[in-house]
Amino acid sequence: LYALIHAMLHEHPRERLDLHFLQQ
């Protein structure tokens, strides 16, 4: 599971994440 988080944070563009949810 840690490897999945690493890939999402370090190997994909930020806009692939829910930036609004993270910010708010």
PDBML (XML) file of the C-alpha atoms, coordinates in Angstrom:
<?xml version="1.0" encoding="UTF-8" ?>
<PDBx:datablock datablockName="MODEL"
   xmlns:PDBx="http://pdbml.pdb.org/schema/pdbx-v50.xsd"
   xmlns:xsi="http://www.w3.org/2001/XMLSchema-instance"
   xsi:schemaLocation="http://pdbml.pdb.org/schema/pdbx-v50.xsd pdbx-v50.xsd">
   <PDBx:atom_siteCategory>
      <PDBx:atom_site id="1">
         <PDBx:B_iso_or_equiv>0.00</PDBx:B_iso_or_equiv>
         <PDBx:Cartn_x>0.000</PDBx:Cartn_x>
         <PDBx:Cartn_y>0.000</PDBx:Cartn_y>
         <PDBx:Cartn_z>0.000</PDBx:Cartn_z>
         <PDBx:auth_asym_id>A</PDBx:auth_asym_id>
         <PDBx:auth_atom_id>CA</PDBx:auth_atom_id>
         <PDBx:auth_comp_id>LEU</PDBx:auth_comp_id>
         <PDBx:auth_seq_id>1</PDBx:auth_seq_id>
         <PDBx:group_PDB>ATOM</PDBx:group_PDB>
         <PDBx:label_alt_id xsi:nil="true" />
         <PDBx:label_asym_id>A</PDBx:label_asym_id>
         <PDBx:label_atom_id>CA</PDBx:label_atom_id>
         <PDBx:label_comp_id>LEU</PDBx:label_comp_id>
         <PDBx:label_entity_id>1</PDBx:label_entity_id>
         <PDBx:label_seq_id>1</PDBx:label_seq_id>
         <PDBx:occupancy>1.00</PDBx:occupancy>
         <PDBx:pdbx_PDB_model_num>1</PDBx:pdbx_PDB_model_num>
         <PDBx:type_symbol>C</PDBx:type_symbol>
      </PDBx:atom_site>
      <PDBx:atom_site id="2">
         <PDBx:B_iso_or_equiv>0.00</PDBx:B_iso_or_equiv>
         <PDBx:Cartn_x>2.905</PDBx:Cartn_x>
         <PDBx:Cartn_y>2.377</PDBx:Cartn_y>
         <PDBx:Cartn_z>0.720</PDBx:Cartn_z>
         <PDBx:auth_asym_id>A</PDBx:auth_asym_id>
         <PDBx:auth_atom_id>CA</PDBx:auth_atom_id>
         <PDBx:auth_comp_id>TYR</PDBx:auth_comp_id>
         <PDBx:auth_seq_id>2</PDBx:auth_seq_id>
         <PDBx:group_PDB>ATOM</PDBx:group_PDB>
         <PDBx:label_alt_id xsi:nil="true" />
         <PDBx:label_asym_id>A</PDBx:label_asym_id>
         <PDBx:label_atom_id>CA</PDBx:label_atom_id>
         <PDBx:label_comp_id>TYR</PDBx:label_comp_id>
         <PDBx:label_entity_id>1</PDBx:label_entity_id>
         <PDBx:label_seq_id>2</PDBx:label_seq_id>
         <PDBx:occupancy>1.00</PDBx:occupancy>
         <PDBx:pdbx_PDB_model_num>1</PDBx:pdbx_PDB_model_num>
         <PDBx:type_symbol>C</PDBx:type_symbol>
      </PDBx:atom_site>
      <PDBx:atom_site id="3">
         <PDBx:B_iso_or_equiv>0.00</PDBx:B_iso_or_equiv>
         <PDBx:Cartn_x>4.207</PDBx:Cartn_x>
         <PDBx:Cartn_y>1.748</PDBx:Cartn_y>
         <PDBx:Cartn_z>-2.814</PDBx:Cartn_z>
         <PDBx:auth_asym_id>A</PDBx:auth_asym_id>
         <PDBx:auth_atom_id>CA</PDBx:auth_atom_id>
         <PDBx:auth_comp_id>ALA</PDBx:auth_comp_id>
         <PDBx:auth_seq_id>3</PDBx:auth_seq_id>
         <PDBx:group_PDB>ATOM</PDBx:group_PDB>
         <PDBx:label_alt_id xsi:nil="true" />
         <PDBx:label_asym_id>A</PDBx:label_asym_id>
         <PDBx:label_atom_id>CA</PDBx:label_atom_id>
         <PDBx:label_comp_id>ALA</PDBx:label_comp_id>
         <PDBx:label_entity_id>1</PDBx:label_entity_id>
         <PDBx:label_seq_id>3</PDBx:label_seq_id>
         <PDBx:occupancy>1.00</PDBx:occupancy>
         <PDBx:pdbx_PDB_model_num>1</PDBx:pdbx_PDB_model_num>
         <PDBx:type_symbol>C</PDBx:type_symbol>
      </PDBx:atom_site>
      <PDBx:atom_site id="4">
         <PDBx:B_iso_or_equiv>0.00</PDBx:B_iso_or_equiv>
         <PDBx:Cartn_x>0.828</PDBx:Cartn_x>
         <PDBx:Cartn_y>2.772</PDBx:Cartn_y>
         <PDBx:Cartn_z>-4.245</PDBx:Cartn_z>
         <PDBx:auth_asym_id>A</PDBx:auth_asym_id>
         <PDBx:auth_atom_id>CA</PDBx:auth_atom_id>
         <PDBx:auth_comp_id>LEU</PDBx:auth_comp_id>
         <PDBx:auth_seq_id>4</PDBx:auth_seq_id>
         <PDBx:group_PDB>ATOM</PDBx:group_PDB>
         <PDBx:label_alt_id xsi:nil="true" />
         <PDBx:label_asym_id>A</PDBx:label_asym_id>
         <PDBx:label_atom_id>CA</PDBx:label_atom_id>
         <PDBx:label_comp_id>LEU</PDBx:label_comp_id>
         <PDBx:label_entity_id>1</PDBx:label_entity_id>
         <PDBx:label_seq_id>4</PDBx:label_seq_id>
         <PDBx:occupancy>1.00</PDBx:occupancy>
         <PDBx:pdbx_PDB_model_num>1</PDBx:pdbx_PDB_model_num>
         <PDBx:type_symbol>C</PDBx:type_symbol>
      </PDBx:atom_site>
      <PDBx:atom_site id="5">
         <PDBx:B_iso_or_equiv>0.00</PDBx:B_iso_or_equiv>
         <PDBx:Cartn_x>0.957</PDBx:Cartn_x>
         <PDBx:Cartn_y>6.044</PDBx:Cartn_y>
         <PDBx:Cartn_z>-2.282</PDBx:Cartn_z>
         <PDBx:auth_asym_id>A</PDBx:auth_asym_id>
         <PDBx:auth_atom_id>CA</PDBx:auth_atom_id>
         <PDBx:auth_comp_id>ILE</PDBx:auth_comp_id>
         <PDBx:auth_seq_id>5</PDBx:auth_seq_id>
         <PDBx:group_PDB>ATOM</PDBx:group_PDB>
         <PDBx:label_alt_id xsi:nil="true" />
         <PDBx:label_asym_id>A</PDBx:label_asym_id>
         <PDBx:label_atom_id>CA</PDBx:label_atom_id>
         <PDBx:label_comp_id>ILE</PDBx:label_comp_id>
         <PDBx:label_entity_id>1</PDBx:label_entity_id>
         <PDBx:label_seq_id>5</PDBx:label_seq_id>
         <PDBx:occupancy>1.00</PDBx:occupancy>
         <PDBx:pdbx_PDB_model_num>1</PDBx:pdbx_PDB_model_num>
         <PDBx:type_symbol>C</PDBx:type_symbol>
      </PDBx:atom_site>
      <PDBx:atom_site id="6">
         <PDBx:B_iso_or_equiv>0.00</PDBx:B_iso_or_equiv>
         <PDBx:Cartn_x>4.539</PDBx:Cartn_x>
         <PDBx:Cartn_y>6.658</PDBx:Cartn_y>
         <PDBx:Cartn_z>-3.456</PDBx:Cartn_z>
         <PDBx:auth_asym_id>A</PDBx:auth_asym_id>
         <PDBx:auth_atom_id>CA</PDBx:auth_atom_id>
         <PDBx:auth_comp_id>HIS</PDBx:auth_comp_id>
         <PDBx:auth_seq_id>6</PDBx:auth_seq_id>
         <PDBx:group_PDB>ATOM</PDBx:group_PDB>
         <PDBx:label_alt_id xsi:nil="true" />
         <PDBx:label_asym_id>A</PDBx:label_asym_id>
         <PDBx:label_atom_id>CA</PDBx:label_atom_id>
         <PDBx:label_comp_id>HIS</PDBx:label_comp_id>
         <PDBx:label_entity_id>1</PDBx:label_entity_id>
         <PDBx:label_seq_id>6</PDBx:label_seq_id>
         <PDBx:occupancy>1.00</PDBx:occupancy>
         <PDBx:pdbx_PDB_model_num>1</PDBx:pdbx_PDB_model_num>
         <PDBx:type_symbol>C</PDBx:type_symbol>
      </PDBx:atom_site>
      <PDBx:atom_site id="7">
         <PDBx:B_iso_or_equiv>0.00</PDBx:B_iso_or_equiv>
         <PDBx:Cartn_x>3.535</PDBx:Cartn_x>
         <PDBx:Cartn_y>6.120</PDBx:Cartn_y>
         <PDBx:Cartn_z>-7.086</PDBx:Cartn_z>
         <PDBx:auth_asym_id>A</PDBx:auth_asym_id>
         <PDBx:auth_atom_id>CA</PDBx:auth_atom_id>
         <PDBx:auth_comp_id>ALA</PDBx:auth_comp_id>
         <PDBx:auth_seq_id>7</PDBx:auth_seq_id>
         <PDBx:group_PDB>ATOM</PDBx:group_PDB>
         <PDBx:label_alt_id xsi:nil="true" />
         <PDBx:label_asym_id>A</PDBx:label_asym_id>
         <PDBx:label_atom_id>CA</PDBx:label_atom_id>
         <PDBx:label_comp_id>ALA</PDBx:label_comp_id>
         <PDBx:label_entity_id>1</PDBx:label_entity_id>
         <PDBx:label_seq_id>7</PDBx:label_seq_id>
         <PDBx:occupancy>1.00</PDBx:occupancy>
         <PDBx:pdbx_PDB_model_num>1</PDBx:pdbx_PDB_model_num>
         <PDBx:type_symbol>C</PDBx:type_symbol>
      </PDBx:atom_site>
      <PDBx:atom_site id="8">
         <PDBx:B_iso_or_equiv>0.00</PDBx:B_iso_or_equiv>
         <PDBx:Cartn_x>0.564</PDBx:Cartn_x>
         <PDBx:Cartn_y>8.468</PDBx:Cartn_y>
         <PDBx:Cartn_z>-6.775</PDBx:Cartn_z>
         <PDBx:auth_asym_id>A</PDBx:auth_asym_id>
         <PDBx:auth_atom_id>CA</PDBx:auth_atom_id>
         <PDBx:auth_comp_id>MET</PDBx:auth_comp_id>
         <PDBx:auth_seq_id>8</PDBx:auth_seq_id>
         <PDBx:group_PDB>ATOM</PDBx:group_PDB>
         <PDBx:label_alt_id xsi:nil="true" />
         <PDBx:label_asym_id>A</PDBx:label_asym_id>
         <PDBx:label_atom_id>CA</PDBx:label_atom_id>
         <PDBx:label_comp_id>MET</PDBx:label_comp_id>
         <PDBx:label_entity_id>1</PDBx:label_entity_id>
         <PDBx:label_seq_id>8</PDBx:label_seq_id>
         <PDBx:occupancy>1.00</PDBx:occupancy>
         <PDBx:pdbx_PDB_model_num>1</PDBx:pdbx_PDB_model_num>
         <PDBx:type_symbol>C</PDBx:type_symbol>
      </PDBx:atom_site>
      <PDBx:atom_site id="9">
         <PDBx:B_iso_or_equiv>0.00</PDBx:B_iso_or_equiv>
         <PDBx:Cartn_x>2.648</PDBx:Cartn_x>
         <PDBx:Cartn_y>11.204</PDBx:Cartn_y>
         <PDBx:Cartn_z>-5.146</PDBx:Cartn_z>
         <PDBx:auth_asym_id>A</PDBx:auth_asym_id>
         <PDBx:auth_atom_id>CA</PDBx:auth_atom_id>
         <PDBx:auth_comp_id>LEU</PDBx:auth_comp_id>
         <PDBx:auth_seq_id>9</PDBx:auth_seq_id>
         <PDBx:group_PDB>ATOM</PDBx:group_PDB>
         <PDBx:label_alt_id xsi:nil="true" />
         <PDBx:label_asym_id>A</PDBx:label_asym_id>
         <PDBx:label_atom_id>CA</PDBx:label_atom_id>
         <PDBx:label_comp_id>LEU</PDBx:label_comp_id>
         <PDBx:label_entity_id>1</PDBx:label_entity_id>
         <PDBx:label_seq_id>9</PDBx:label_seq_id>
         <PDBx:occupancy>1.00</PDBx:occupancy>
         <PDBx:pdbx_PDB_model_num>1</PDBx:pdbx_PDB_model_num>
         <PDBx:type_symbol>C</PDBx:type_symbol>
      </PDBx:atom_site>
      <PDBx:atom_site id="10">
         <PDBx:B_iso_or_equiv>0.00</PDBx:B_iso_or_equiv>
         <PDBx:Cartn_x>5.898</PDBx:Cartn_x>
         <PDBx:Cartn_y>10.891</PDBx:Cartn_y>
         <PDBx:Cartn_z>-7.111</PDBx:Cartn_z>
         <PDBx:auth_asym_id>A</PDBx:auth_asym_id>
         <PDBx:auth_atom_id>CA</PDBx:auth_atom_id>
         <PDBx:auth_comp_id>HIS</PDBx:auth_comp_id>
         <PDBx:auth_seq_id>10</PDBx:auth_seq_id>
         <PDBx:group_PDB>ATOM</PDBx:group_PDB>
         <PDBx:label_alt_id xsi:nil="true" />
         <PDBx:label_asym_id>A</PDBx:label_asym_id>
         <PDBx:label_atom_id>CA</PDBx:label_atom_id>
         <PDBx:label_comp_id>HIS</PDBx:label_comp_id>
         <PDBx:label_entity_id>1</PDBx:label_entity_id>
         <PDBx:label_seq_id>10</PDBx:label_seq_id>
         <PDBx:occupancy>1.00</PDBx:occupancy>
         <PDBx:pdbx_PDB_model_num>1</PDBx:pdbx_PDB_model_num>
         <PDBx:type_symbol>C</PDBx:type_symbol>
      </PDBx:atom_site>
      <PDBx:atom_site id="11">
         <PDBx:B_iso_or_equiv>0.00</PDBx:B_iso_or_equiv>
         <PDBx:Cartn_x>5.037</PDBx:Cartn_x>
         <PDBx:Cartn_y>9.371</PDBx:Cartn_y>
         <PDBx:Cartn_z>-10.481</PDBx:Cartn_z>
         <PDBx:auth_asym_id>A</PDBx:auth_asym_id>
         <PDBx:auth_atom_id>CA</PDBx:auth_atom_id>
         <PDBx:auth_comp_id>GLU</PDBx:auth_comp_id>
         <PDBx:auth_seq_id>11</PDBx:auth_seq_id>
         <PDBx:group_PDB>ATOM</PDBx:group_PDB>
         <PDBx:label_alt_id xsi:nil="true" />
         <PDBx:label_asym_id>A</PDBx:label_asym_id>
         <PDBx:label_atom_id>CA</PDBx:label_atom_id>
         <PDBx:label_comp_id>GLU</PDBx:label_comp_id>
         <PDBx:label_entity_id>1</PDBx:label_entity_id>
         <PDBx:label_seq_id>11</PDBx:label_seq_id>
         <PDBx:occupancy>1.00</PDBx:occupancy>
         <PDBx:pdbx_PDB_model_num>1</PDBx:pdbx_PDB_model_num>
         <PDBx:type_symbol>C</PDBx:type_symbol>
      </PDBx:atom_site>
      <PDBx:atom_site id="12">
         <PDBx:B_iso_or_equiv>0.00</PDBx:B_iso_or_equiv>
         <PDBx:Cartn_x>1.779</PDBx:Cartn_x>
         <PDBx:Cartn_y>11.064</PDBx:Cartn_y>
         <PDBx:Cartn_z>-11.489</PDBx:Cartn_z>
         <PDBx:auth_asym_id>A</PDBx:auth_asym_id>
         <PDBx:auth_atom_id>CA</PDBx:auth_atom_id>
         <PDBx:auth_comp_id>HIS</PDBx:auth_comp_id>
         <PDBx:auth_seq_id>12</PDBx:auth_seq_id>
         <PDBx:group_PDB>ATOM</PDBx:group_PDB>
         <PDBx:label_alt_id xsi:nil="true" />
         <PDBx:label_asym_id>A</PDBx:label_asym_id>
         <PDBx:label_atom_id>CA</PDBx:label_atom_id>
         <PDBx:label_comp_id>HIS</PDBx:label_comp_id>
         <PDBx:label_entity_id>1</PDBx:label_entity_id>
         <PDBx:label_seq_id>12</PDBx:label_seq_id>
         <PDBx:occupancy>1.00</PDBx:occupancy>
         <PDBx:pdbx_PDB_model_num>1</PDBx:pdbx_PDB_model_num>
         <PDBx:type_symbol>C</PDBx:type_symbol>
      </PDBx:atom_site>
      <PDBx:atom_site id="13">
         <PDBx:B_iso_or_equiv>0.00</PDBx:B_iso_or_equiv>
         <PDBx:Cartn_x>0.787</PDBx:Cartn_x>
         <PDBx:Cartn_y>14.719</PDBx:Cartn_y>
         <PDBx:Cartn_z>-12.078</PDBx:Cartn_z>
         <PDBx:auth_asym_id>A</PDBx:auth_asym_id>
         <PDBx:auth_atom_id>CA</PDBx:auth_atom_id>
         <PDBx:auth_comp_id>PRO</PDBx:auth_comp_id>
         <PDBx:auth_seq_id>13</PDBx:auth_seq_id>
         <PDBx:group_PDB>ATOM</PDBx:group_PDB>
         <PDBx:label_alt_id xsi:nil="true" />
         <PDBx:label_asym_id>A</PDBx:label_asym_id>
         <PDBx:label_atom_id>CA</PDBx:label_atom_id>
         <PDBx:label_comp_id>PRO</PDBx:label_comp_id>
         <PDBx:label_entity_id>1</PDBx:label_entity_id>
         <PDBx:label_seq_id>13</PDBx:label_seq_id>
         <PDBx:occupancy>1.00</PDBx:occupancy>
         <PDBx:pdbx_PDB_model_num>1</PDBx:pdbx_PDB_model_num>
         <PDBx:type_symbol>C</PDBx:type_symbol>
      </PDBx:atom_site>
      <PDBx:atom_site id="14">
         <PDBx:B_iso_or_equiv>0.00</PDBx:B_iso_or_equiv>
         <PDBx:Cartn_x>-0.749</PDBx:Cartn_x>
         <PDBx:Cartn_y>16.483</PDBx:Cartn_y>
         <PDBx:Cartn_z>-9.083</PDBx:Cartn_z>
         <PDBx:auth_asym_id>A</PDBx:auth_asym_id>
         <PDBx:auth_atom_id>CA</PDBx:auth_atom_id>
         <PDBx:auth_comp_id>ARG</PDBx:auth_comp_id>
         <PDBx:auth_seq_id>14</PDBx:auth_seq_id>
         <PDBx:group_PDB>ATOM</PDBx:group_PDB>
         <PDBx:label_alt_id xsi:nil="true" />
         <PDBx:label_asym_id>A</PDBx:label_asym_id>
         <PDBx:label_atom_id>CA</PDBx:label_atom_id>
         <PDBx:label_comp_id>ARG</PDBx:label_comp_id>
         <PDBx:label_entity_id>1</PDBx:label_entity_id>
         <PDBx:label_seq_id>14</PDBx:label_seq_id>
         <PDBx:occupancy>1.00</PDBx:occupancy>
         <PDBx:pdbx_PDB_model_num>1</PDBx:pdbx_PDB_model_num>
         <PDBx:type_symbol>C</PDBx:type_symbol>
      </PDBx:atom_site>
      <PDBx:atom_site id="15">
         <PDBx:B_iso_or_equiv>0.00</PDBx:B_iso_or_equiv>
         <PDBx:Cartn_x>-4.018</PDBx:Cartn_x>
         <PDBx:Cartn_y>17.057</PDBx:Cartn_y>
         <PDBx:Cartn_z>-10.959</PDBx:Cartn_z>
         <PDBx:auth_asym_id>A</PDBx:auth_asym_id>
         <PDBx:auth_atom_id>CA</PDBx:auth_atom_id>
         <PDBx:auth_comp_id>GLU</PDBx:auth_comp_id>
         <PDBx:auth_seq_id>15</PDBx:auth_seq_id>
         <PDBx:group_PDB>ATOM</PDBx:group_PDB>
         <PDBx:label_alt_id xsi:nil="true" />
         <PDBx:label_asym_id>A</PDBx:label_asym_id>
         <PDBx:label_atom_id>CA</PDBx:label_atom_id>
         <PDBx:label_comp_id>GLU</PDBx:label_comp_id>
         <PDBx:label_entity_id>1</PDBx:label_entity_id>
         <PDBx:label_seq_id>15</PDBx:label_seq_id>
         <PDBx:occupancy>1.00</PDBx:occupancy>
         <PDBx:pdbx_PDB_model_num>1</PDBx:pdbx_PDB_model_num>
         <PDBx:type_symbol>C</PDBx:type_symbol>
      </PDBx:atom_site>
      <PDBx:atom_site id="16">
         <PDBx:B_iso_or_equiv>0.00</PDBx:B_iso_or_equiv>
         <PDBx:Cartn_x>-4.633</PDBx:Cartn_x>
         <PDBx:Cartn_y>13.291</PDBx:Cartn_y>
         <PDBx:Cartn_z>-10.848</PDBx:Cartn_z>
         <PDBx:auth_asym_id>A</PDBx:auth_asym_id>
         <PDBx:auth_atom_id>CA</PDBx:auth_atom_id>
         <PDBx:auth_comp_id>ARG</PDBx:auth_comp_id>
         <PDBx:auth_seq_id>16</PDBx:auth_seq_id>
         <PDBx:group_PDB>ATOM</PDBx:group_PDB>
         <PDBx:label_alt_id xsi:nil="true" />
         <PDBx:label_asym_id>A</PDBx:label_asym_id>
         <PDBx:label_atom_id>CA</PDBx:label_atom_id>
         <PDBx:label_comp_id>ARG</PDBx:label_comp_id>
         <PDBx:label_entity_id>1</PDBx:label_entity_id>
         <PDBx:label_seq_id>16</PDBx:label_seq_id>
         <PDBx:occupancy>1.00</PDBx:occupancy>
         <PDBx:pdbx_PDB_model_num>1</PDBx:pdbx_PDB_model_num>
         <PDBx:type_symbol>C</PDBx:type_symbol>
      </PDBx:atom_site>
      <PDBx:atom_site id="17">
         <PDBx:B_iso_or_equiv>0.00</PDBx:B_iso_or_equiv>
         <PDBx:Cartn_x>-5.321</PDBx:Cartn_x>
         <PDBx:Cartn_y>13.798</PDBx:Cartn_y>
         <PDBx:Cartn_z>-7.100</PDBx:Cartn_z>
         <PDBx:auth_asym_id>A</PDBx:auth_asym_id>
         <PDBx:auth_atom_id>CA</PDBx:auth_atom_id>
         <PDBx:auth_comp_id>LEU</PDBx:auth_comp_id>
         <PDBx:auth_seq_id>17</PDBx:auth_seq_id>
         <PDBx:group_PDB>ATOM</PDBx:group_PDB>
         <PDBx:label_alt_id xsi:nil="true" />
         <PDBx:label_asym_id>A</PDBx:label_asym_id>
         <PDBx:label_atom_id>CA</PDBx:label_atom_id>
         <PDBx:label_comp_id>LEU</PDBx:label_comp_id>
         <PDBx:label_entity_id>1</PDBx:label_entity_id>
         <PDBx:label_seq_id>17</PDBx:label_seq_id>
         <PDBx:occupancy>1.00</PDBx:occupancy>
         <PDBx:pdbx_PDB_model_num>1</PDBx:pdbx_PDB_model_num>
         <PDBx:type_symbol>C</PDBx:type_symbol>
      </PDBx:atom_site>
      <PDBx:atom_site id="18">
         <PDBx:B_iso_or_equiv>0.00</PDBx:B_iso_or_equiv>
         <PDBx:Cartn_x>-8.372</PDBx:Cartn_x>
         <PDBx:Cartn_y>15.495</PDBx:Cartn_y>
         <PDBx:Cartn_z>-5.595</PDBx:Cartn_z>
         <PDBx:auth_asym_id>A</PDBx:auth_asym_id>
         <PDBx:auth_atom_id>CA</PDBx:auth_atom_id>
         <PDBx:auth_comp_id>ASP</PDBx:auth_comp_id>
         <PDBx:auth_seq_id>18</PDBx:auth_seq_id>
         <PDBx:group_PDB>ATOM</PDBx:group_PDB>
         <PDBx:label_alt_id xsi:nil="true" />
         <PDBx:label_asym_id>A</PDBx:label_asym_id>
         <PDBx:label_atom_id>CA</PDBx:label_atom_id>
         <PDBx:label_comp_id>ASP</PDBx:label_comp_id>
         <PDBx:label_entity_id>1</PDBx:label_entity_id>
         <PDBx:label_seq_id>18</PDBx:label_seq_id>
         <PDBx:occupancy>1.00</PDBx:occupancy>
         <PDBx:pdbx_PDB_model_num>1</PDBx:pdbx_PDB_model_num>
         <PDBx:type_symbol>C</PDBx:type_symbol>
      </PDBx:atom_site>
      <PDBx:atom_site id="19">
         <PDBx:B_iso_or_equiv>0.00</PDBx:B_iso_or_equiv>
         <PDBx:Cartn_x>-6.615</PDBx:Cartn_x>
         <PDBx:Cartn_y>18.765</PDBx:Cartn_y>
         <PDBx:Cartn_z>-4.814</PDBx:Cartn_z>
         <PDBx:auth_asym_id>A</PDBx:auth_asym_id>
         <PDBx:auth_atom_id>CA</PDBx:auth_atom_id>
         <PDBx:auth_comp_id>LEU</PDBx:auth_comp_id>
         <PDBx:auth_seq_id>19</PDBx:auth_seq_id>
         <PDBx:group_PDB>ATOM</PDBx:group_PDB>
         <PDBx:label_alt_id xsi:nil="true" />
         <PDBx:label_asym_id>A</PDBx:label_asym_id>
         <PDBx:label_atom_id>CA</PDBx:label_atom_id>
         <PDBx:label_comp_id>LEU</PDBx:label_comp_id>
         <PDBx:label_entity_id>1</PDBx:label_entity_id>
         <PDBx:label_seq_id>19</PDBx:label_seq_id>
         <PDBx:occupancy>1.00</PDBx:occupancy>
         <PDBx:pdbx_PDB_model_num>1</PDBx:pdbx_PDB_model_num>
         <PDBx:type_symbol>C</PDBx:type_symbol>
      </PDBx:atom_site>
      <PDBx:atom_site id="20">
         <PDBx:B_iso_or_equiv>0.00</PDBx:B_iso_or_equiv>
         <PDBx:Cartn_x>-9.825</PDBx:Cartn_x>
         <PDBx:Cartn_y>20.481</PDBx:Cartn_y>
         <PDBx:Cartn_z>-3.719</PDBx:Cartn_z>
         <PDBx:auth_asym_id>A</PDBx:auth_asym_id>
         <PDBx:auth_atom_id>CA</PDBx:auth_atom_id>
         <PDBx:auth_comp_id>HIS</PDBx:auth_comp_id>
         <PDBx:auth_seq_id>20</PDBx:auth_seq_id>
         <PDBx:group_PDB>ATOM</PDBx:group_PDB>
         <PDBx:label_alt_id xsi:nil="true" />
         <PDBx:label_asym_id>A</PDBx:label_asym_id>
         <PDBx:label_atom_id>CA</PDBx:label_atom_id>
         <PDBx:label_comp_id>HIS</PDBx:label_comp_id>
         <PDBx:label_entity_id>1</PDBx:label_entity_id>
         <PDBx:label_seq_id>20</PDBx:label_seq_id>
         <PDBx:occupancy>1.00</PDBx:occupancy>
         <PDBx:pdbx_PDB_model_num>1</PDBx:pdbx_PDB_model_num>
         <PDBx:type_symbol>C</PDBx:type_symbol>
      </PDBx:atom_site>
      <PDBx:atom_site id="21">
         <PDBx:B_iso_or_equiv>0.00</PDBx:B_iso_or_equiv>
         <PDBx:Cartn_x>-10.544</PDBx:Cartn_x>
         <PDBx:Cartn_y>17.774</PDBx:Cartn_y>
         <PDBx:Cartn_z>-1.137</PDBx:Cartn_z>
         <PDBx:auth_asym_id>A</PDBx:auth_asym_id>
         <PDBx:auth_atom_id>CA</PDBx:auth_atom_id>
         <PDBx:auth_comp_id>PHE</PDBx:auth_comp_id>
         <PDBx:auth_seq_id>21</PDBx:auth_seq_id>
         <PDBx:group_PDB>ATOM</PDBx:group_PDB>
         <PDBx:label_alt_id xsi:nil="true" />
         <PDBx:label_asym_id>A</PDBx:label_asym_id>
         <PDBx:label_atom_id>CA</PDBx:label_atom_id>
         <PDBx:label_comp_id>PHE</PDBx:label_comp_id>
         <PDBx:label_entity_id>1</PDBx:label_entity_id>
         <PDBx:label_seq_id>21</PDBx:label_seq_id>
         <PDBx:occupancy>1.00</PDBx:occupancy>
         <PDBx:pdbx_PDB_model_num>1</PDBx:pdbx_PDB_model_num>
         <PDBx:type_symbol>C</PDBx:type_symbol>
      </PDBx:atom_site>
      <PDBx:atom_site id="22">
         <PDBx:B_iso_or_equiv>0.00</PDBx:B_iso_or_equiv>
         <PDBx:Cartn_x>-6.966</PDBx:Cartn_x>
         <PDBx:Cartn_y>17.864</PDBx:Cartn_y>
         <PDBx:Cartn_z>0.152</PDBx:Cartn_z>
         <PDBx:auth_asym_id>A</PDBx:auth_asym_id>
         <PDBx:auth_atom_id>CA</PDBx:auth_atom_id>
         <PDBx:auth_comp_id>LEU</PDBx:auth_comp_id>
         <PDBx:auth_seq_id>22</PDBx:auth_seq_id>
         <PDBx:group_PDB>ATOM</PDBx:group_PDB>
         <PDBx:label_alt_id xsi:nil="true" />
         <PDBx:label_asym_id>A</PDBx:label_asym_id>
         <PDBx:label_atom_id>CA</PDBx:label_atom_id>
         <PDBx:label_comp_id>LEU</PDBx:label_comp_id>
         <PDBx:label_entity_id>1</PDBx:label_entity_id>
         <PDBx:label_seq_id>22</PDBx:label_seq_id>
         <PDBx:occupancy>1.00</PDBx:occupancy>
         <PDBx:pdbx_PDB_model_num>1</PDBx:pdbx_PDB_model_num>
         <PDBx:type_symbol>C</PDBx:type_symbol>
      </PDBx:atom_site>
      <PDBx:atom_site id="23">
         <PDBx:B_iso_or_equiv>0.00</PDBx:B_iso_or_equiv>
         <PDBx:Cartn_x>-7.027</PDBx:Cartn_x>
         <PDBx:Cartn_y>21.656</PDBx:Cartn_y>
         <PDBx:Cartn_z>0.452</PDBx:Cartn_z>
         <PDBx:auth_asym_id>A</PDBx:auth_asym_id>
         <PDBx:auth_atom_id>CA</PDBx:auth_atom_id>
         <PDBx:auth_comp_id>GLN</PDBx:auth_comp_id>
         <PDBx:auth_seq_id>23</PDBx:auth_seq_id>
         <PDBx:group_PDB>ATOM</PDBx:group_PDB>
         <PDBx:label_alt_id xsi:nil="true" />
         <PDBx:label_asym_id>A</PDBx:label_asym_id>
         <PDBx:label_atom_id>CA</PDBx:label_atom_id>
         <PDBx:label_comp_id>GLN</PDBx:label_comp_id>
         <PDBx:label_entity_id>1</PDBx:label_entity_id>
         <PDBx:label_seq_id>23</PDBx:label_seq_id>
         <PDBx:occupancy>1.00</PDBx:occupancy>
         <PDBx:pdbx_PDB_model_num>1</PDBx:pdbx_PDB_model_num>
         <PDBx:type_symbol>C</PDBx:type_symbol>
      </PDBx:atom_site>
      <PDBx:atom_site id="24">
         <PDBx:B_iso_or_equiv>0.00</PDBx:B_iso_or_equiv>
         <PDBx:Cartn_x>-10.482</PDBx:Cartn_x>
         <PDBx:Cartn_y>21.994</PDBx:Cartn_y>
         <PDBx:Cartn_z>2.021</PDBx:Cartn_z>
         <PDBx:auth_asym_id>A</PDBx:auth_asym_id>
         <PDBx:auth_atom_id>CA</PDBx:auth_atom_id>
         <PDBx:auth_comp_id>GLN</PDBx:auth_comp_id>
         <PDBx:auth_seq_id>24</PDBx:auth_seq_id>
         <PDBx:group_PDB>ATOM</PDBx:group_PDB>
         <PDBx:label_alt_id xsi:nil="true" />
         <PDBx:label_asym_id>A</PDBx:label_asym_id>
         <PDBx:label_atom_id>CA</PDBx:label_atom_id>
         <PDBx:label_comp_id>GLN</PDBx:label_comp_id>
         <PDBx:label_entity_id>1</PDBx:label_entity_id>
         <PDBx:label_seq_id>24</PDBx:label_seq_id>
         <PDBx:occupancy>1.00</PDBx:occupancy>
         <PDBx:pdbx_PDB_model_num>1</PDBx:pdbx_PDB_model_num>
         <PDBx:type_symbol>C</PDBx:type_symbol>
      </PDBx:atom_site>
   </PDBx:atom_siteCategory>
</PDBx:datablock>
